[in-house]
């Protein structure tokens, strides 16, 4: 039996916000978003997005911000900032 891998598509958050604000899924459908996906945007709550201003913080302040926003464990914070420390 063959198994196929389904890739998760991502859509512009501004389009999602527009659909949520207007309640009009046809705006997304015209852009190629499946009707069921656009309908789901009307019922799901918004997830928090980390913005660029957070990414410009010093490493220590970024760790503090991540811990505050997400109540992360120290190990999770370490994993989140390790890529940033490689660039310094």
PDB file of N, CA and C in Angstrom:
ATOM      1  N   UNK A   1       0.834  -1.173   0.000  1.00  0.00           N
ATOM      2  CA  UNK A   1       0.000   0.000   0.000  1.00  0.00           C
ATOM      3  C   UNK A   1       0.888   1.250   0.000  1.00  0.00           C
ATOM      4  N   UNK A   2       0.634   2.129  -0.935  1.00  0.00           N
ATOM      5  CA  UNK A   2       1.425   3.341  -1.054  1.00  0.00           C
ATOM      6  C   UNK A   2       0.915   4.413  -0.097  1.00  0.00           C
ATOM      7  N   UNK A   3       1.860   5.135   0.479  1.00  0.00           N
ATOM      8  CA  UNK A   3       1.472   6.281   1.302  1.00  0.00           C
ATOM      9  C   UNK A   3       1.968   7.543   0.618  1.00  0.00           C
ATOM     10  N   UNK A   4       1.150   8.560   0.676  1.00  0.00           N
ATOM     11  CA  UNK A   4       1.546   9.828   0.088  1.00  0.00           C
ATOM     12  C   UNK A   4       1.714  10.852   1.199  1.00  0.00           C
ATOM     13  N   UNK A   5       2.650  11.730   1.004  1.00  0.00           N
ATOM     14  CA  UNK A   5       2.898  12.783   1.975  1.00  0.00           C
ATOM     15  C   UNK A   5       2.164  14.031   1.536  1.00  0.00           C
ATOM     16  N   UNK A   6       1.370  14.558   2.439  1.00  0.00           N
ATOM     17  CA  UNK A   6       0.625  15.774   2.144  1.00  0.00           C
ATOM     18  C   UNK A   6       1.393  16.957   2.716  1.00  0.00           C
ATOM     19  N   UNK A   7       1.655  17.946   1.885  1.00  0.00           N
ATOM     20  CA  UNK A   7       2.373  19.118   2.371  1.00  0.00           C
ATOM     21  C   UNK A   7       1.381  20.140   2.911  1.00  0.00           C
ATOM     22  N   UNK A   8       1.751  20.755   4.016  1.00  0.00           N
ATOM     23  CA  UNK A   8       0.915  21.778   4.639  1.00  0.00           C
ATOM     24  C   UNK A   8       1.159  23.111   3.943  1.00  0.00           C
ATOM     25  N   UNK A   9       0.107  23.706   3.414  1.00  0.00           N
ATOM     26  CA  UNK A   9       0.254  24.991   2.748  1.00  0.00           C
ATOM     27  C   UNK A   9       0.088  26.108   3.756  1.00  0.00           C
ATOM     28  N   UNK A  10       0.792  27.195   3.530  1.00  0.00           N
ATOM     29  CA  UNK A  10       0.696  28.367   4.405  1.00  0.00           C
ATOM     30  C   UNK A  10       0.198  29.539   3.565  1.00  0.00           C
ATOM     31  N   UNK A  11      -0.619  30.346   4.215  1.00  0.00           N
ATOM     32  CA  UNK A  11      -1.208  31.481   3.508  1.00  0.00           C
ATOM     33  C   UNK A  11      -0.852  32.774   4.224  1.00  0.00           C
ATOM     34  N   UNK A  12      -0.831  33.852   3.476  1.00  0.00           N
ATOM     35  CA  UNK A  12      -0.494  35.162   4.003  1.00  0.00           C
ATOM     36  C   UNK A  12      -1.435  35.520   5.154  1.00  0.00           C
ATOM     37  N   UNK A  13      -0.855  35.908   6.283  1.00  0.00           N
ATOM     38  CA  UNK A  13      -1.656  36.232   7.460  1.00  0.00           C
ATOM     39  C   UNK A  13      -2.584  37.421   7.212  1.00  0.00           C
ATOM     40  N   UNK A  14      -2.201  38.293   6.272  1.00  0.00           N
ATOM     41  CA  UNK A  14      -3.060  39.438   5.968  1.00  0.00           C
ATOM     42  C   UNK A  14      -4.338  38.995   5.266  1.00  0.00           C
ATOM     43  N   UNK A  15      -4.236  37.978   4.413  1.00  0.00           N
ATOM     44  CA  UNK A  15      -5.419  37.437   3.751  1.00  0.00           C
ATOM     45  C   UNK A  15      -6.318  36.761   4.782  1.00  0.00           C
ATOM     46  N   UNK A  16      -5.716  36.008   5.684  1.00  0.00           N
ATOM     47  CA  UNK A  16      -6.490  35.359   6.748  1.00  0.00           C
ATOM     48  C   UNK A  16      -7.212  36.404   7.593  1.00  0.00           C
ATOM     49  N   UNK A  17      -6.511  37.471   7.942  1.00  0.00           N
ATOM     50  CA  UNK A  17      -7.101  38.535   8.754  1.00  0.00           C
ATOM     51  C   UNK A  17      -8.255  39.207   8.018  1.00  0.00           C
ATOM     52  N   UNK A  18      -8.079  39.432   6.724  1.00  0.00           N
ATOM     53  CA  UNK A  18      -9.129  40.063   5.927  1.00  0.00           C
ATOM     54  C   UNK A  18     -10.384  39.193   5.901  1.00  0.00           C
ATOM     55  N   UNK A  19     -10.202  37.898   5.721  1.00  0.00           N
ATOM     56  CA  UNK A  19     -11.342  36.982   5.706  1.00  0.00           C
ATOM     57  C   UNK A  19     -12.035  36.985   7.063  1.00  0.00           C
ATOM     58  N   UNK A  20     -11.247  36.959   8.152  1.00  0.00           N
ATOM     59  CA  UNK A  20     -11.835  36.976   9.493  1.00  0.00           C
ATOM     60  C   UNK A  20     -12.597  38.272   9.746  1.00  0.00           C
ATOM     61  N   UNK A  21     -12.015  39.391   9.320  1.00  0.00           N
ATOM     62  CA  UNK A  21     -12.631  40.697   9.571  1.00  0.00           C
ATOM     63  C   UNK A  21     -13.928  40.872   8.796  1.00  0.00           C
ATOM     64  N   UNK A  22     -13.908  40.470   7.523  1.00  0.00           N
ATOM     65  CA  UNK A  22     -15.083  40.677   6.664  1.00  0.00           C
ATOM     66  C   UNK A  22     -16.080  39.532   6.749  1.00  0.00           C
ATOM     67  N   UNK A  23     -15.586  38.343   7.113  1.00  0.00           N
ATOM     68  CA  UNK A  23     -16.455  37.171   7.120  1.00  0.00           C
ATOM     69  C   UNK A  23     -16.751  36.654   5.722  1.00  0.00           C
ATOM     70  N   UNK A  24     -16.018  37.143   4.725  1.00  0.00           N
ATOM     71  CA  UNK A  24     -16.251  36.814   3.317  1.00  0.00           C
ATOM     72  C   UNK A  24     -15.177  35.842   2.821  1.00  0.00           C
ATOM     73  N   UNK A  25     -15.502  34.544   2.745  1.00  0.00           N
ATOM     74  CA  UNK A  25     -14.508  33.556   2.320  1.00  0.00           C
ATOM     75  C   UNK A  25     -14.224  33.625   0.823  1.00  0.00           C
ATOM     76  N   UNK A  26     -15.101  34.280   0.068  1.00  0.00           N
ATOM     77  CA  UNK A  26     -14.883  34.362  -1.388  1.00  0.00           C
ATOM     78  C   UNK A  26     -13.607  35.143  -1.711  1.00  0.00           C
ATOM     79  N   UNK A  27     -13.187  36.043  -0.811  1.00  0.00           N
ATOM     80  CA  UNK A  27     -11.938  36.782  -1.030  1.00  0.00           C
ATOM     81  C   UNK A  27     -10.760  35.826  -1.113  1.00  0.00           C
ATOM     82  N   UNK A  28     -10.753  34.823  -0.255  1.00  0.00           N
ATOM     83  CA  UNK A  28      -9.672  33.840  -0.249  1.00  0.00           C
ATOM     84  C   UNK A  28      -9.834  32.826  -1.378  1.00  0.00           C
ATOM     85  N   UNK A  29     -11.053  32.409  -1.624  1.00  0.00           N
ATOM     86  CA  UNK A  29     -11.304  31.409  -2.669  1.00  0.00           C
ATOM     87  C   UNK A  29     -10.845  31.931  -4.026  1.00  0.00           C
ATOM     88  N   UNK A  30     -11.056  33.229  -4.275  1.00  0.00           N
ATOM     89  CA  UNK A  30     -10.602  33.842  -5.536  1.00  0.00           C
ATOM     90  C   UNK A  30      -9.085  33.809  -5.676  1.00  0.00           C
ATOM     91  N   UNK A  31      -8.377  33.718  -4.549  1.00  0.00           N
ATOM     92  CA  UNK A  31      -6.913  33.668  -4.569  1.00  0.00           C
ATOM     93  C   UNK A  31      -6.382  32.236  -4.565  1.00  0.00           C
ATOM     94  N   UNK A  32      -7.275  31.261  -4.669  1.00  0.00           N
ATOM     95  CA  UNK A  32      -6.845  29.865  -4.764  1.00  0.00           C
ATOM     96  C   UNK A  32      -6.837  29.106  -3.454  1.00  0.00           C
ATOM     97  N   UNK A  33      -7.364  29.702  -2.399  1.00  0.00           N
ATOM     98  CA  UNK A  33      -7.436  29.028  -1.101  1.00  0.00           C
ATOM     99  C   UNK A  33      -8.656  28.107  -1.125  1.00  0.00           C
ATOM    100  N   UNK A  34      -8.495  26.849  -0.705  1.00  0.00           N
ATOM    101  CA  UNK A  34      -9.658  25.954  -0.659  1.00  0.00           C
ATOM    102  C   UNK A  34     -10.761  26.526   0.237  1.00  0.00           C
ATOM    103  N   UNK A  35     -11.995  26.324  -0.183  1.00  0.00           N
ATOM    104  CA  UNK A  35     -13.149  26.852   0.548  1.00  0.00           C
ATOM    105  C   UNK A  35     -13.162  26.373   2.000  1.00  0.00           C
ATOM    106  N   UNK A  36     -12.819  25.108   2.226  1.00  0.00           N
ATOM    107  CA  UNK A  36     -12.838  24.569   3.596  1.00  0.00           C
ATOM    108  C   UNK A  36     -11.783  25.244   4.474  1.00  0.00           C
ATOM    109  N   UNK A  37     -10.638  25.589   3.881  1.00  0.00           N
ATOM    110  CA  UNK A  37      -9.588  26.281   4.630  1.00  0.00           C
ATOM    111  C   UNK A  37     -10.055  27.675   5.020  1.00  0.00           C
ATOM    112  N   UNK A  38     -10.626  28.399   4.070  1.00  0.00           N
ATOM    113  CA  UNK A  38     -11.106  29.757   4.341  1.00  0.00           C
ATOM    114  C   UNK A  38     -12.215  29.740   5.394  1.00  0.00           C
ATOM    115  N   UNK A  39     -13.074  28.729   5.344  1.00  0.00           N
ATOM    116  CA  UNK A  39     -14.137  28.607   6.341  1.00  0.00           C
ATOM    117  C   UNK A  39     -13.538  28.381   7.727  1.00  0.00           C
ATOM    118  N   UNK A  40     -12.461  27.617   7.776  1.00  0.00           N
ATOM    119  CA  UNK A  40     -11.786  27.364   9.042  1.00  0.00           C
ATOM    120  C   UNK A  40     -11.212  28.625   9.650  1.00  0.00           C
ATOM    121  N   UNK A  41     -10.787  29.568   8.826  1.00  0.00           N
ATOM    122  CA  UNK A  41     -10.244  30.826   9.334  1.00  0.00           C
ATOM    123  C   UNK A  41     -11.293  31.616  10.101  1.00  0.00           C
ATOM    124  N   UNK A  42     -12.551  31.412   9.771  1.00  0.00           N
ATOM    125  CA  UNK A  42     -13.621  32.150  10.451  1.00  0.00           C
ATOM    126  C   UNK A  42     -13.859  31.623  11.862  1.00  0.00           C
ATOM    127  N   UNK A  43     -13.498  30.374  12.120  1.00  0.00           N
ATOM    128  CA  UNK A  43     -13.801  29.773  13.419  1.00  0.00           C
ATOM    129  C   UNK A  43     -12.603  29.674  14.346  1.00  0.00           C
ATOM    130  N   UNK A  44     -11.396  29.658  13.814  1.00  0.00           N
ATOM    131  CA  UNK A  44     -10.201  29.521  14.658  1.00  0.00           C
ATOM    132  C   UNK A  44      -9.790  30.857  15.246  1.00  0.00           C
ATOM    133  N   UNK A  45      -9.189  30.802  16.426  1.00  0.00           N
ATOM    134  CA  UNK A  45      -8.691  32.025  17.047  1.00  0.00           C
ATOM    135  C   UNK A  45      -7.323  32.369  16.474  1.00  0.00           C
ATOM    136  N   UNK A  46      -6.912  33.598  16.646  1.00  0.00           N
ATOM    137  CA  UNK A  46      -5.605  34.052  16.162  1.00  0.00           C
ATOM    138  C   UNK A  46      -4.499  33.473  17.025  1.00  0.00           C
ATOM    139  N   UNK A  47      -3.398  33.107  16.397  1.00  0.00           N
ATOM    140  CA  UNK A  47      -2.232  32.679  17.158  1.00  0.00           C
ATOM    141  C   UNK A  47      -1.265  33.853  17.233  1.00  0.00           C
ATOM    142  N   UNK A  48      -0.477  33.887  18.295  1.00  0.00           N
ATOM    143  CA  UNK A  48       0.457  34.990  18.481  1.00  0.00           C
ATOM    144  C   UNK A  48       1.611  34.855  17.500  1.00  0.00           C
ATOM    145  N   UNK A  49       2.022  35.969  16.942  1.00  0.00           N
ATOM    146  CA  UNK A  49       3.118  35.998  15.986  1.00  0.00           C
ATOM    147  C   UNK A  49       4.267  36.790  16.593  1.00  0.00           C
ATOM    148  N   UNK A  50       5.473  36.238  16.513  1.00  0.00           N
ATOM    149  CA  UNK A  50       6.655  36.971  16.962  1.00  0.00           C
ATOM    150  C   UNK A  50       7.071  37.884  15.830  1.00  0.00           C
ATOM    151  N   UNK A  51       7.124  39.182  16.111  1.00  0.00           N
ATOM    152  CA  UNK A  51       7.411  40.152  15.065  1.00  0.00           C
ATOM    153  C   UNK A  51       8.895  40.490  15.002  1.00  0.00           C
ATOM    154  N   UNK A  52       9.289  41.201  13.964  1.00  0.00           N
ATOM    155  CA  UNK A  52      10.689  41.534  13.760  1.00  0.00           C
ATOM    156  C   UNK A  52      11.279  42.348  14.892  1.00  0.00           C
ATOM    157  N   UNK A  53      10.493  43.197  15.544  1.00  0.00           N
ATOM    158  CA  UNK A  53      11.043  43.983  16.636  1.00  0.00           C
ATOM    159  C   UNK A  53      11.566  43.086  17.754  1.00  0.00           C
ATOM    160  N   UNK A  54      10.952  41.923  17.949  1.00  0.00           N
ATOM    161  CA  UNK A  54      11.431  40.973  18.946  1.00  0.00           C
ATOM    162  C   UNK A  54      12.744  40.352  18.488  1.00  0.00           C
ATOM    163  N   UNK A  55      12.871  40.086  17.203  1.00  0.00           N
ATOM    164  CA  UNK A  55      14.077  39.438  16.692  1.00  0.00           C
ATOM    165  C   UNK A  55      15.281  40.361  16.723  1.00  0.00           C
ATOM    166  N   UNK A  56      15.069  41.670  16.828  1.00  0.00           N
ATOM    167  CA  UNK A  56      16.170  42.618  16.867  1.00  0.00           C
ATOM    168  C   UNK A  56      16.709  42.846  18.280  1.00  0.00           C
ATOM    169  N   UNK A  57      16.097  42.209  19.272  1.00  0.00           N
ATOM    170  CA  UNK A  57      16.552  42.366  20.647  1.00  0.00           C
ATOM    171  C   UNK A  57      17.893  41.685  20.856  1.00  0.00           C
ATOM    172  N   UNK A  58      18.604  42.115  21.887  1.00  0.00           N
ATOM    173  CA  UNK A  58      19.831  41.428  22.269  1.00  0.00           C
ATOM    174  C   UNK A  58      19.459  40.011  22.684  1.00  0.00           C
ATOM    175  N   UNK A  59      20.405  39.114  22.635  1.00  0.00           N
ATOM    176  CA  UNK A  59      20.143  37.703  22.918  1.00  0.00           C
ATOM    177  C   UNK A  59      19.491  37.500  24.282  1.00  0.00           C
ATOM    178  N   UNK A  60      20.009  38.182  25.312  1.00  0.00           N
ATOM    179  CA  UNK A  60      19.458  38.009  26.657  1.00  0.00           C
ATOM    180  C   UNK A  60      18.028  38.526  26.743  1.00  0.00           C
ATOM    181  N   UNK A  61      17.793  39.679  26.119  1.00  0.00           N
ATOM    182  CA  UNK A  61      16.437  40.238  26.143  1.00  0.00           C
ATOM    183  C   UNK A  61      15.480  39.375  25.338  1.00  0.00           C
ATOM    184  N   UNK A  62      15.974  38.776  24.253  1.00  0.00           N
ATOM    185  CA  UNK A  62      15.135  37.887  23.458  1.00  0.00           C
ATOM    186  C   UNK A  62      14.727  36.680  24.288  1.00  0.00           C
ATOM    187  N   UNK A  63      15.675  36.103  25.018  1.00  0.00           N
ATOM    188  CA  UNK A  63      15.357  34.952  25.872  1.00  0.00           C
ATOM    189  C   UNK A  63      14.302  35.329  26.905  1.00  0.00           C
ATOM    190  N   UNK A  64      14.445  36.496  27.512  1.00  0.00           N
ATOM    191  CA  UNK A  64      13.473  36.947  28.511  1.00  0.00           C
ATOM    192  C   UNK A  64      12.099  37.151  27.877  1.00  0.00           C
ATOM    193  N   UNK A  65      12.078  37.731  26.683  1.00  0.00           N
ATOM    194  CA  UNK A  65      10.814  37.958  25.972  1.00  0.00           C
ATOM    195  C   UNK A  65      10.132  36.636  25.634  1.00  0.00           C
ATOM    196  N   UNK A  66      10.901  35.675  25.148  1.00  0.00           N
ATOM    197  CA  UNK A  66      10.336  34.367  24.814  1.00  0.00           C
ATOM    198  C   UNK A  66       9.776  33.681  26.050  1.00  0.00           C
ATOM    199  N   UNK A  67      10.503  33.745  27.147  1.00  0.00           N
ATOM    200  CA  UNK A  67      10.030  33.115  28.381  1.00  0.00           C
ATOM    201  C   UNK A  67       8.746  33.768  28.854  1.00  0.00           C
ATOM    202  N   UNK A  68       8.681  35.083  28.768  1.00  0.00           N
ATOM    203  CA  UNK A  68       7.500  35.809  29.218  1.00  0.00           C
ATOM    204  C   UNK A  68       6.297  35.492  28.333  1.00  0.00           C
ATOM    205  N   UNK A  69       6.485  35.512  27.035  1.00  0.00           N
ATOM    206  CA  UNK A  69       5.367  35.303  26.107  1.00  0.00           C
ATOM    207  C   UNK A  69       4.837  33.880  26.113  1.00  0.00           C
ATOM    208  N   UNK A  70       5.708  32.918  26.260  1.00  0.00           N
ATOM    209  CA  UNK A  70       5.296  31.537  26.052  1.00  0.00           C
ATOM    210  C   UNK A  70       5.509  30.636  27.251  1.00  0.00           C
ATOM    211  N   UNK A  71       5.991  31.193  28.357  1.00  0.00           N
ATOM    212  CA  UNK A  71       6.280  30.398  29.549  1.00  0.00           C
ATOM    213  C   UNK A  71       7.081  29.156  29.162  1.00  0.00           C
ATOM    214  N   UNK A  72       8.160  29.386  28.434  1.00  0.00           N
ATOM    215  CA  UNK A  72       8.992  28.298  27.928  1.00  0.00           C
ATOM    216  C   UNK A  72       9.921  27.785  29.025  1.00  0.00           C
ATOM    217  N   UNK A  73      10.310  26.537  28.884  1.00  0.00           N
ATOM    218  CA  UNK A  73      11.322  25.995  29.774  1.00  0.00           C
ATOM    219  C   UNK A  73      12.683  26.530  29.332  1.00  0.00           C
ATOM    220  N   UNK A  74      13.655  26.455  30.223  1.00  0.00           N
ATOM    221  CA  UNK A  74      14.991  26.945  29.876  1.00  0.00           C
ATOM    222  C   UNK A  74      15.566  26.202  28.679  1.00  0.00           C
ATOM    223  N   UNK A  75      15.307  24.909  28.577  1.00  0.00           N
ATOM    224  CA  UNK A  75      15.818  24.129  27.446  1.00  0.00           C
ATOM    225  C   UNK A  75      15.199  24.619  26.137  1.00  0.00           C
ATOM    226  N   UNK A  76      13.912  24.930  26.154  1.00  0.00           N
ATOM    227  CA  UNK A  76      13.252  25.438  24.949  1.00  0.00           C
ATOM    228  C   UNK A  76      13.818  26.804  24.551  1.00  0.00           C
ATOM    229  N   UNK A  77      14.110  27.642  25.533  1.00  0.00           N
ATOM    230  CA  UNK A  77      14.701  28.951  25.248  1.00  0.00           C
ATOM    231  C   UNK A  77      16.074  28.763  24.621  1.00  0.00           C
ATOM    232  N   UNK A  78      16.857  27.850  25.182  1.00  0.00           N
ATOM    233  CA  UNK A  78      18.193  27.578  24.648  1.00  0.00           C
ATOM    234  C   UNK A  78      18.101  27.155  23.180  1.00  0.00           C
ATOM    235  N   UNK A  79      17.176  26.246  22.879  1.00  0.00           N
ATOM    236  CA  UNK A  79      17.021  25.777  21.500  1.00  0.00           C
ATOM    237  C   UNK A  79      16.569  26.911  20.578  1.00  0.00           C
ATOM    238  N   UNK A  80      15.759  27.826  21.092  1.00  0.00           N
ATOM    239  CA  UNK A  80      15.246  28.923  20.272  1.00  0.00           C
ATOM    240  C   UNK A  80      16.332  29.947  19.944  1.00  0.00           C
ATOM    241  N   UNK A  81      17.272  30.175  20.869  1.00  0.00           N
ATOM    242  CA  UNK A  81      18.262  31.229  20.628  1.00  0.00           C
ATOM    243  C   UNK A  81      19.594  30.706  20.095  1.00  0.00           C
ATOM    244  N   UNK A  82      19.808  29.393  20.107  1.00  0.00           N
ATOM    245  CA  UNK A  82      21.071  28.847  19.595  1.00  0.00           C
ATOM    246  C   UNK A  82      21.377  29.302  18.176  1.00  0.00           C
ATOM    247  N   UNK A  83      20.429  29.281  17.240  1.00  0.00           N
ATOM    248  CA  UNK A  83      20.749  29.750  15.884  1.00  0.00           C
ATOM    249  C   UNK A  83      21.177  31.211  15.854  1.00  0.00           C
ATOM    250  N   UNK A  84      20.627  32.026  16.737  1.00  0.00           N
ATOM    251  CA  UNK A  84      21.001  33.438  16.781  1.00  0.00           C
ATOM    252  C   UNK A  84      22.411  33.616  17.307  1.00  0.00           C
ATOM    253  N   UNK A  85      22.829  32.768  18.209  1.00  0.00           N
ATOM    254  CA  UNK A  85      24.148  32.878  18.810  1.00  0.00           C
ATOM    255  C   UNK A  85      25.224  32.460  17.814  1.00  0.00           C
ATOM    256  N   UNK A  86      24.885  31.582  16.869  1.00  0.00           N
ATOM    257  CA  UNK A  86      25.834  31.152  15.843  1.00  0.00           C
ATOM    258  C   UNK A  86      26.221  32.306  14.932  1.00  0.00           C
ATOM    259  N   UNK A  87      25.302  33.287  14.768  1.00  0.00           N
ATOM    260  CA  UNK A  87      25.556  34.429  13.881  1.00  0.00           C
ATOM    261  C   UNK A  87      26.446  35.481  14.524  1.00  0.00           C
ATOM    262  N   UNK A  88      26.573  35.476  15.850  1.00  0.00           N
ATOM    263  CA  UNK A  88      27.340  36.529  16.540  1.00  0.00           C
ATOM    264  C   UNK A  88      28.815  36.288  16.456  1.00  0.00           C
TER     265      UNK A  88
END
